[in-house]
Amino acid sequence: MSVAIAFSSKDRVELSKQSIEPLLQPDKFSLYWIDGSATEAGIELPTKYDHLKIASNITGGADAAIVYALTKMLQDDHEYIGLIENDVLLDPDWFVPTMGLFVRGAKEGLDVGAVSPRCYVDRILCQRDGYALMHNLGAGAVIFTRKAATLVLEYYRTGWTTENRTAFAQLCGLDIGAWWAFSGNEHQLTADWTFDRILALHGLASLALTPGKATMIGQEMSLEQQGLQLANEPAKERVNDEAFDQFVNRSMLLRREVYSIRCPVPLTQFDGAATYFPHQIASLGGCREGEWKLKWSQGWGPFAYRTDGNAKLVLPLTGPCVLMMSASAPGVKARVVDKHSGYNIEFEVMQEDAGRGLMNVTVPGAFMYRDIEVTTQVPGLNFYGVMTRGVQVTQPGNWFDYSVLPRP
């Protein structure tokens, strides 16, 4: 059994010194250290340890580090692929019980895609004996099967609370909005909140130990202030055999393709609008040219692209669309051209600051499949995505991984 764990850090040296210790088990798994440090002490720290595969200067935000780690470990052909962040302190004996969840879940009829030694109470879907079926594990401490890690990359994007509530209600008849930390609110979700929904919609389960074998360290706000509570004991209020059995049965039907729930690649709304983020342009058959840099947009994307000079985007689309963009400085101009109709407009892009958000540029169009081109000759144009009236034609084989992203 080939297992790889990626430990991610960015400076905070004393924190990493604590949280790396339970991961120094070379007889059990390969350890990758994914580091984005800017200080000398942070950059040097990984070199002080043996039996590591070190990737330095992985910048551009936490999501870039996650995508890099998954990409690298998949390329190295590991069977199980894990992510651990440096603010998660694991118990010394965390590994064997955590990996044992794959077997425990299988004995109860589940096909387990992800497991975790860490468990938050409000993220439990159904409590079992010694473990919990989860609706969210997060990216802080998780181990995926190879199939699950592949799905996470394929569908990598930010999400919406309604997407998660709907998916798990369809699978087990429970509305997580009744007890999760977000209550009944509707808002955007960071990318790691989509992982377990994606797996569930492909018939895979996410499990966590209860009680867990992890604590959180170095938090700027306490867990209590964040509205979070670690499951230091089983959550008796989440015991629900009927809901669990329904999840088991419907997951099996999904895997057999008897039962189907849509799992869209773009962010889709109930009115049919679809949003494609910059890192999904290749799936449309589009491309970027010229000088582009990566801009982390944690709650929306989570990747935006910014120009560093002369640059162009090509977007093959059907029908009208809305381009979402901003400028990092005054005086940034962009041009949008519809290659079919001849629509051609140049304009100054609204500067993004604390008082103003994104500029939405509407491009008219009949139901004609054509290229929309966005060009600029200066640095400072930020592109956040394109919204269309419906899901667009996508081209198979346009796989998303770290190689798709421009460098920060």
Protein backbone atom coordinates (compact mmCIF):
# COMPACT_ATOMS: atom_id res chain seq x y z
CA MET A 1 0.00 0.00 0.00
CA SER A 2 1.61 3.24 -1.17
CA VAL A 3 0.63 6.23 0.98
CA ALA A 4 1.89 9.81 0.58
CA ILE A 5 1.20 12.76 2.88
CA ALA A 6 1.79 16.42 1.93
CA PHE A 7 2.59 18.73 4.84
CA SER A 8 2.02 22.40 3.92
CA SER A 9 3.59 25.40 5.62
CA LYS A 10 4.33 29.07 5.19
CA ASP A 11 6.79 30.43 7.76
CA ARG A 12 5.45 30.13 11.37
CA VAL A 13 8.51 27.99 12.09
CA GLU A 14 7.76 27.14 15.72
CA LEU A 15 4.31 25.91 14.71
CA SER A 16 5.72 23.66 11.99
CA LYS A 17 8.31 22.23 14.39
CA GLN A 18 5.45 20.95 16.56
CA SER A 19 3.11 19.68 13.88
CA ILE A 20 5.75 17.91 11.75
CA GLU A 21 6.75 15.50 14.54
CA PRO A 22 3.76 13.08 14.29
CA LEU A 23 4.37 12.93 10.52
CA LEU A 24 7.92 11.62 10.79
CA GLN A 25 6.99 7.98 10.15
CA PRO A 26 8.93 6.99 6.99
CA ASP A 27 8.13 3.31 7.56
CA LYS A 28 4.41 4.04 7.06
CA PHE A 29 4.21 6.70 4.33
CA SER A 30 6.15 9.05 2.06
CA LEU A 31 6.22 12.62 3.33
CA TYR A 32 6.19 15.65 1.04
CA TRP A 33 6.84 19.11 2.51
CA ILE A 34 5.07 21.78 0.45
CA ASP A 35 6.45 25.15 1.56
CA GLY A 36 5.58 28.70 0.63
CA SER A 37 7.80 30.46 3.16
CA ALA A 38 9.32 33.87 2.49
CA THR A 39 11.64 34.08 5.53
CA GLU A 40 15.07 32.47 5.67
CA ALA A 41 14.10 30.46 8.75
CA GLY A 42 10.98 29.14 7.08
CA ILE A 43 12.78 28.18 3.88
CA GLU A 44 15.58 26.39 5.77
CA LEU A 45 13.37 24.43 8.19
CA PRO A 46 12.40 21.54 5.86
CA THR A 47 16.06 20.90 5.04
CA LYS A 48 16.73 19.97 8.68
CA TYR A 49 14.68 16.76 8.40
CA ASP A 50 15.45 13.46 6.70
CA HIS A 51 13.26 11.27 4.46
CA LEU A 52 11.37 14.21 2.94
CA LYS A 53 10.50 15.29 -0.58
CA ILE A 54 10.68 19.08 -0.42
CA ALA A 55 8.90 21.52 -2.74
CA SER A 56 9.90 25.12 -1.96
CA ASN A 57 8.47 28.45 -3.11
CA ILE A 58 4.97 27.08 -3.72
CA THR A 59 3.22 30.43 -3.43
CA GLY A 60 -0.12 31.83 -4.55
CA GLY A 61 -2.22 30.85 -1.53
CA ALA A 62 -3.41 27.69 0.19
CA ASP A 63 -5.38 26.44 -2.82
CA ALA A 64 -2.34 26.59 -5.07
CA ALA A 65 -0.46 24.52 -2.47
CA ILE A 66 -3.30 21.97 -2.33
CA VAL A 67 -3.46 21.66 -6.12
CA TYR A 68 0.32 21.35 -6.35
CA ALA A 69 0.40 18.63 -3.67
CA LEU A 70 -2.40 16.57 -5.22
CA THR A 71 -0.88 16.92 -8.68
CA LYS A 72 2.59 15.85 -7.52
CA MET A 73 1.45 12.86 -5.47
CA LEU A 74 -0.82 11.63 -8.26
CA GLN A 75 2.07 11.92 -10.72
CA ASP A 76 4.21 9.86 -8.34
CA ASP A 77 1.56 7.13 -8.53
CA HIS A 78 0.59 6.80 -4.86
CA GLU A 79 -2.49 4.80 -3.94
CA TYR A 80 -3.50 7.03 -1.01
CA ILE A 81 -2.89 10.77 -0.98
CA GLY A 82 -3.06 12.97 2.14
CA LEU A 83 -3.01 16.65 3.07
CA ILE A 84 -1.95 17.97 6.49
CA GLU A 85 -1.66 21.69 7.30
CA ASN A 86 0.84 22.95 9.85
CA ASP A 87 -1.79 24.19 12.32
CA VAL A 88 -3.05 20.62 12.86
CA LEU A 89 -1.26 18.72 15.66
CA LEU A 90 -1.89 14.99 15.34
CA ASP A 91 -1.70 12.41 18.14
CA PRO A 92 1.40 10.17 17.87
CA ASP A 93 -0.78 7.14 17.04
CA TRP A 94 -3.00 8.88 14.50
CA PHE A 95 -2.08 7.00 11.32
CA VAL A 96 -3.21 3.40 11.83
CA PRO A 97 -6.69 4.23 13.23
CA THR A 98 -7.23 6.79 10.48
CA MET A 99 -6.32 4.40 7.67
CA GLY A 100 -8.46 1.77 9.38
CA LEU A 101 -11.52 3.85 8.53
CA PHE A 102 -11.31 2.65 4.93
CA VAL A 103 -11.91 -0.90 6.15
CA ARG A 104 -14.49 0.03 8.79
CA GLY A 105 -16.57 1.93 6.26
CA ALA A 106 -16.39 -0.89 3.75
CA LYS A 107 -17.76 -3.32 6.34
CA GLU A 108 -20.86 -1.10 6.64
CA GLY A 109 -21.45 -0.94 2.90
CA LEU A 110 -19.60 2.27 2.08
CA ASP A 111 -17.03 2.94 -0.62
CA VAL A 112 -14.76 5.27 1.35
CA GLY A 113 -13.04 8.03 -0.60
CA ALA A 114 -11.59 10.14 2.21
CA VAL A 115 -10.73 9.76 5.89
CA SER A 116 -9.53 12.11 8.61
CA PRO A 117 -8.11 12.01 12.15
CA ARG A 118 -9.79 15.38 12.79
CA CYS A 119 -13.51 15.89 13.27
CA TYR A 120 -15.62 18.99 13.90
CA VAL A 121 -18.98 18.35 15.51
CA ASP A 122 -21.07 20.50 13.16
CA ARG A 123 -19.62 18.72 10.13
CA ILE A 124 -20.89 15.29 11.16
CA LEU A 125 -23.63 13.85 8.97
CA CYS A 126 -24.25 10.59 10.85
CA GLN A 127 -22.53 9.32 13.98
CA ARG A 128 -21.45 5.66 14.01
CA ASP A 129 -19.58 3.51 16.52
CA GLY A 130 -16.17 5.17 16.84
CA TYR A 131 -16.37 7.17 13.65
CA ALA A 132 -18.63 9.60 11.80
CA LEU A 133 -19.92 9.89 8.26
CA MET A 134 -19.02 13.48 7.35
CA HIS A 135 -20.38 16.17 5.07
CA ASN A 136 -17.09 18.08 5.33
CA LEU A 137 -13.56 17.06 6.30
CA GLY A 138 -11.74 20.14 5.02
CA ALA A 139 -8.21 20.22 3.63
CA GLY A 140 -6.42 20.54 6.97
CA ALA A 141 -6.14 16.81 7.71
CA VAL A 142 -7.42 14.35 5.12
CA ILE A 143 -6.32 11.25 3.22
CA PHE A 144 -7.93 10.46 -0.15
CA THR A 145 -7.94 7.36 -2.28
CA ARG A 146 -6.37 7.95 -5.67
CA LYS A 147 -9.82 7.99 -7.28
CA ALA A 148 -11.06 10.58 -4.78
CA ALA A 149 -8.03 12.85 -5.21
CA THR A 150 -8.55 12.71 -8.97
CA LEU A 151 -12.19 13.79 -8.57
CA VAL A 152 -11.20 16.66 -6.25
CA LEU A 153 -8.91 18.06 -8.95
CA GLU A 154 -11.40 17.47 -11.75
CA TYR A 155 -14.11 19.49 -9.98
CA TYR A 156 -11.87 21.97 -8.14
CA ARG A 157 -13.68 25.24 -7.51
CA THR A 158 -15.41 27.28 -4.83
CA GLY A 159 -19.02 26.44 -4.11
CA TRP A 160 -22.30 27.56 -2.59
CA THR A 161 -23.97 26.51 0.66
CA THR A 162 -27.10 25.46 -1.22
CA GLU A 163 -25.11 22.99 -3.32
CA ASN A 164 -23.96 21.12 -0.21
CA ARG A 165 -27.32 21.19 1.53
CA THR A 166 -29.10 19.92 -1.58
CA ALA A 167 -26.62 17.11 -2.27
CA PHE A 168 -26.69 15.60 1.22
CA ALA A 169 -30.46 15.99 1.50
CA GLN A 170 -30.79 13.98 -1.72
CA LEU A 171 -28.42 11.31 -0.43
CA CYS A 172 -29.66 10.77 3.11
CA GLY A 173 -32.77 12.88 3.68
CA LEU A 174 -31.11 15.27 6.15
CA ASP A 175 -30.73 19.04 5.88
CA ILE A 176 -27.31 19.94 7.27
CA GLY A 177 -28.48 23.55 7.45
CA ALA A 178 -30.29 22.58 10.65
CA TRP A 179 -27.04 22.15 12.60
CA TRP A 180 -23.93 23.22 10.69
CA ALA A 181 -22.17 26.44 11.68
CA PHE A 182 -23.66 28.37 8.74
CA SER A 183 -27.25 27.75 9.88
CA GLY A 184 -29.67 28.49 7.02
CA ASN A 185 -27.49 31.16 5.41
CA GLU A 186 -26.74 31.15 1.69
CA HIS A 187 -23.25 32.22 0.72
CA GLN A 188 -20.07 31.19 -1.06
CA LEU A 189 -17.93 28.32 0.24
CA THR A 190 -14.19 27.88 -0.07
CA ALA A 191 -12.97 25.09 -2.35
CA ASP A 192 -12.27 22.57 0.42
CA TRP A 193 -15.96 22.67 1.38
CA THR A 194 -16.77 21.17 -2.02
CA PHE A 195 -14.51 18.11 -1.73
CA ASP A 196 -16.84 15.82 0.23
CA ARG A 197 -19.92 16.88 -1.78
CA ILE A 198 -18.10 15.93 -4.98
CA LEU A 199 -17.09 12.56 -3.56
CA ALA A 200 -20.61 11.88 -2.25
CA LEU A 201 -22.16 12.64 -5.64
CA HIS A 202 -19.86 9.98 -7.11
CA GLY A 203 -20.90 7.40 -4.50
CA LEU A 204 -17.91 7.87 -2.18
CA ALA A 205 -18.05 8.48 1.58
CA SER A 206 -15.95 10.71 3.85
CA LEU A 207 -15.24 9.43 7.37
CA ALA A 208 -13.57 10.83 10.49
CA LEU A 209 -12.52 9.37 13.83
CA THR A 210 -14.70 10.15 16.85
CA PRO A 211 -13.13 10.91 19.17
CA GLY A 212 -10.60 12.51 16.89
CA LYS A 213 -6.85 12.29 17.09
CA ALA A 214 -5.99 15.90 16.28
CA THR A 215 -5.96 19.31 17.93
CA MET A 216 -5.63 22.77 16.41
CA ILE A 217 -2.68 25.02 17.28
CA GLY A 218 -1.63 28.54 16.39
CA GLN A 219 -5.16 29.79 15.78
CA GLU A 220 -5.50 33.58 15.65
CA MET A 221 -9.09 33.13 16.78
CA SER A 222 -9.97 30.31 19.15
CA LEU A 223 -12.16 27.49 17.86
CA GLU A 224 -14.92 28.73 20.14
CA GLN A 225 -14.73 32.20 18.56
CA GLN A 226 -14.92 30.53 15.13
CA GLY A 227 -18.02 28.59 16.18
CA LEU A 228 -16.18 25.27 15.96
CA GLN A 229 -15.88 22.32 18.34
CA LEU A 230 -13.64 19.30 17.92
CA ALA A 231 -15.39 15.96 18.39
CA ASN A 232 -13.60 14.73 21.50
CA GLU A 233 -16.39 12.21 21.98
CA PRO A 234 -19.09 10.72 19.75
CA ALA A 235 -21.89 13.13 18.81
CA LYS A 236 -24.88 11.19 20.15
CA GLU A 237 -27.32 13.73 18.73
CA ARG A 238 -26.15 12.80 15.21
CA VAL A 239 -26.90 9.07 15.52
CA ASN A 240 -29.38 8.29 12.74
CA ASP A 241 -29.41 4.72 11.43
CA GLU A 242 -32.17 5.42 8.90
CA ALA A 243 -30.29 8.31 7.30
CA PHE A 244 -27.06 6.31 7.29
CA ASP A 245 -28.72 3.34 5.59
CA GLN A 246 -30.23 5.65 2.99
CA PHE A 247 -26.79 7.14 2.30
CA VAL A 248 -25.30 3.64 1.92
CA ASN A 249 -28.04 2.54 -0.50
CA ARG A 250 -28.08 5.67 -2.65
CA SER A 251 -24.28 5.76 -2.80
CA MET A 252 -24.34 2.19 -4.09
CA LEU A 253 -26.93 3.15 -6.73
CA LEU A 254 -24.78 6.10 -7.80
CA ARG A 255 -21.75 3.85 -8.24
CA ARG A 256 -23.84 1.40 -10.29
CA GLU A 257 -25.17 4.35 -12.33
CA VAL A 258 -28.73 3.36 -11.50
CA TYR A 259 -29.19 6.60 -9.56
CA SER A 260 -27.83 9.91 -10.84
CA ILE A 261 -27.39 13.35 -9.28
CA ARG A 262 -25.85 16.09 -11.39
CA CYS A 263 -22.38 17.20 -10.34
CA PRO A 264 -21.61 20.21 -12.55
CA VAL A 265 -18.07 21.39 -13.20
CA PRO A 266 -19.10 25.08 -13.33
CA LEU A 267 -20.80 26.86 -10.46
CA THR A 268 -24.50 26.74 -11.41
CA GLN A 269 -27.45 28.58 -9.92
CA PHE A 270 -31.12 27.61 -9.79
CA ASP A 271 -31.90 30.05 -12.62
CA GLY A 272 -29.59 28.07 -14.91
CA ALA A 273 -26.72 30.58 -14.91
CA ALA A 274 -23.28 28.94 -15.02
CA THR A 275 -20.03 30.53 -13.87
CA TYR A 276 -16.71 29.37 -15.26
CA PHE A 277 -13.66 30.47 -13.29
CA PRO A 278 -10.35 31.31 -14.98
CA HIS A 279 -8.74 27.92 -14.26
CA GLN A 280 -11.68 26.25 -16.07
CA ILE A 281 -11.16 28.11 -19.37
CA ALA A 282 -9.36 25.13 -20.88
CA SER A 283 -12.45 22.96 -20.29
CA LEU A 284 -14.32 25.33 -22.61
CA GLY A 285 -11.64 24.91 -25.25
CA GLY A 286 -10.34 28.39 -24.49
CA CYS A 287 -6.85 29.58 -23.70
CA ARG A 288 -4.77 32.39 -22.29
CA GLU A 289 -1.91 34.09 -24.11
CA GLY A 290 0.73 36.56 -23.03
CA GLU A 291 1.69 37.71 -19.55
CA TRP A 292 -0.66 36.33 -16.89
CA LYS A 293 -0.05 35.78 -13.17
CA LEU A 294 -2.02 33.82 -10.57
CA LYS A 295 -4.10 35.80 -8.08
CA TRP A 296 -5.58 33.92 -5.12
CA SER A 297 -9.28 34.61 -4.66
CA GLN A 298 -10.13 32.25 -1.82
CA GLY A 299 -13.90 32.74 -1.75
CA TRP A 300 -14.48 33.04 -5.48
CA GLY A 301 -12.73 30.73 -7.88
CA PRO A 302 -10.49 30.22 -5.91
CA PHE A 303 -8.12 31.37 -8.67
CA ALA A 304 -8.22 34.68 -10.50
CA TYR A 305 -5.78 35.70 -13.23
CA ARG A 306 -4.04 39.09 -13.37
CA THR A 307 -2.12 40.57 -16.26
CA ASP A 308 1.55 41.44 -15.98
CA GLY A 309 1.66 43.14 -19.38
CA ASN A 310 0.30 42.39 -22.85
CA ALA A 311 -2.23 39.54 -22.48
CA LYS A 312 -5.25 37.88 -24.10
CA LEU A 313 -7.98 35.39 -23.19
CA VAL A 314 -9.97 33.41 -25.76
CA LEU A 315 -13.38 32.12 -24.58
CA PRO A 316 -15.48 29.91 -26.92
CA LEU A 317 -19.08 30.49 -25.80
CA THR A 318 -22.69 30.24 -26.89
CA GLY A 319 -25.14 33.09 -26.23
CA PRO A 320 -24.74 36.23 -24.15
CA CYS A 321 -22.27 36.30 -21.29
CA VAL A 322 -21.04 38.47 -18.44
CA LEU A 323 -17.29 38.92 -17.94
CA MET A 324 -16.18 39.58 -14.35
CA MET A 325 -13.07 41.71 -13.98
CA SER A 326 -11.42 44.52 -12.07
CA ALA A 327 -8.29 46.67 -12.17
CA SER A 328 -5.53 46.84 -9.58
CA ALA A 329 -4.73 50.45 -10.51
CA PRO A 330 -6.46 53.36 -12.27
CA GLY A 331 -6.23 53.69 -16.03
CA VAL A 332 -6.25 49.98 -16.94
CA LYS A 333 -8.02 49.49 -20.26
CA ALA A 334 -9.36 46.29 -21.80
CA ARG A 335 -10.90 45.37 -25.14
CA VAL A 336 -13.64 42.77 -25.68
CA VAL A 337 -14.31 41.43 -29.18
CA ASP A 338 -16.99 39.01 -30.38
CA LYS A 339 -15.34 37.25 -33.33
CA HIS A 340 -18.71 36.38 -34.92
CA SER A 341 -20.83 39.52 -34.64
CA GLY A 342 -18.02 42.04 -34.75
CA TYR A 343 -18.97 43.48 -31.35
CA ASN A 344 -15.89 45.45 -30.29
CA ILE A 345 -15.56 47.65 -27.25
CA GLU A 346 -12.65 49.21 -25.38
CA PHE A 347 -13.17 50.58 -21.88
CA GLU A 348 -11.42 51.55 -18.66
CA VAL A 349 -11.78 48.81 -16.07
CA MET A 350 -13.14 49.77 -12.67
CA GLN A 351 -10.52 49.72 -9.95
CA GLU A 352 -11.09 47.15 -7.21
CA ASP A 353 -10.85 48.55 -3.70
CA ALA A 354 -12.57 48.34 -0.31
CA GLY A 355 -15.59 50.28 -1.56
CA ARG A 356 -16.08 48.70 -4.97
CA GLY A 357 -16.03 45.13 -6.14
CA LEU A 358 -15.97 43.63 -9.60
CA MET A 359 -17.01 45.16 -12.90
CA ASN A 360 -19.49 43.05 -14.89
CA VAL A 361 -19.14 43.49 -18.64
CA THR A 362 -22.15 42.18 -20.58
CA VAL A 363 -21.46 40.82 -24.05
CA PRO A 364 -24.64 40.40 -26.16
CA GLY A 365 -25.07 37.45 -28.44
CA ALA A 366 -27.56 35.13 -30.05
CA PHE A 367 -27.20 31.38 -29.64
CA MET A 368 -24.09 31.26 -31.78
CA TYR A 369 -20.94 29.36 -30.82
CA ARG A 370 -18.07 31.80 -31.26
CA ASP A 371 -14.88 33.14 -29.66
CA ILE A 372 -14.95 36.04 -27.23
CA GLU A 373 -11.54 37.70 -26.90
CA VAL A 374 -10.43 39.81 -23.94
CA THR A 375 -7.18 41.74 -24.43
CA THR A 376 -5.12 44.35 -22.63
CA GLN A 377 -1.65 45.79 -23.12
CA VAL A 378 -0.91 46.77 -19.54
CA PRO A 379 -0.45 45.13 -16.13
CA GLY A 380 -3.19 45.19 -13.53
CA LEU A 381 -6.26 43.63 -15.18
CA ASN A 382 -7.83 41.00 -12.89
CA PHE A 383 -10.08 38.38 -14.52
CA TYR A 384 -12.45 36.46 -12.21
CA GLY A 385 -14.52 34.43 -14.64
CA VAL A 386 -17.43 34.41 -17.06
CA MET A 387 -21.14 33.82 -16.41
CA THR A 388 -23.40 32.37 -19.09
CA ARG A 389 -27.13 31.62 -19.30
CA GLY A 390 -26.56 27.89 -19.22
CA VAL A 391 -23.91 25.22 -19.08
CA GLN A 392 -21.55 25.52 -22.03
CA VAL A 393 -20.03 22.99 -24.40
CA THR A 394 -16.91 21.52 -22.83
CA GLN A 395 -14.05 19.69 -24.46
CA PRO A 396 -12.99 16.33 -23.00
CA GLY A 397 -9.37 15.78 -22.12
CA ASN A 398 -8.77 19.26 -20.71
CA TRP A 399 -7.59 18.03 -17.31
CA PHE A 400 -7.05 20.51 -14.46
CA ASP A 401 -3.97 20.24 -12.29
CA TYR A 402 -1.15 22.54 -11.15
CA SER A 403 0.29 22.78 -14.67
CA VAL A 404 -2.81 24.69 -15.82
CA LEU A 405 -2.22 27.60 -13.42
CA PRO A 406 0.02 30.54 -14.23
CA ARG A 407 2.70 31.21 -11.63
CA PRO A 408 1.98 33.87 -8.97
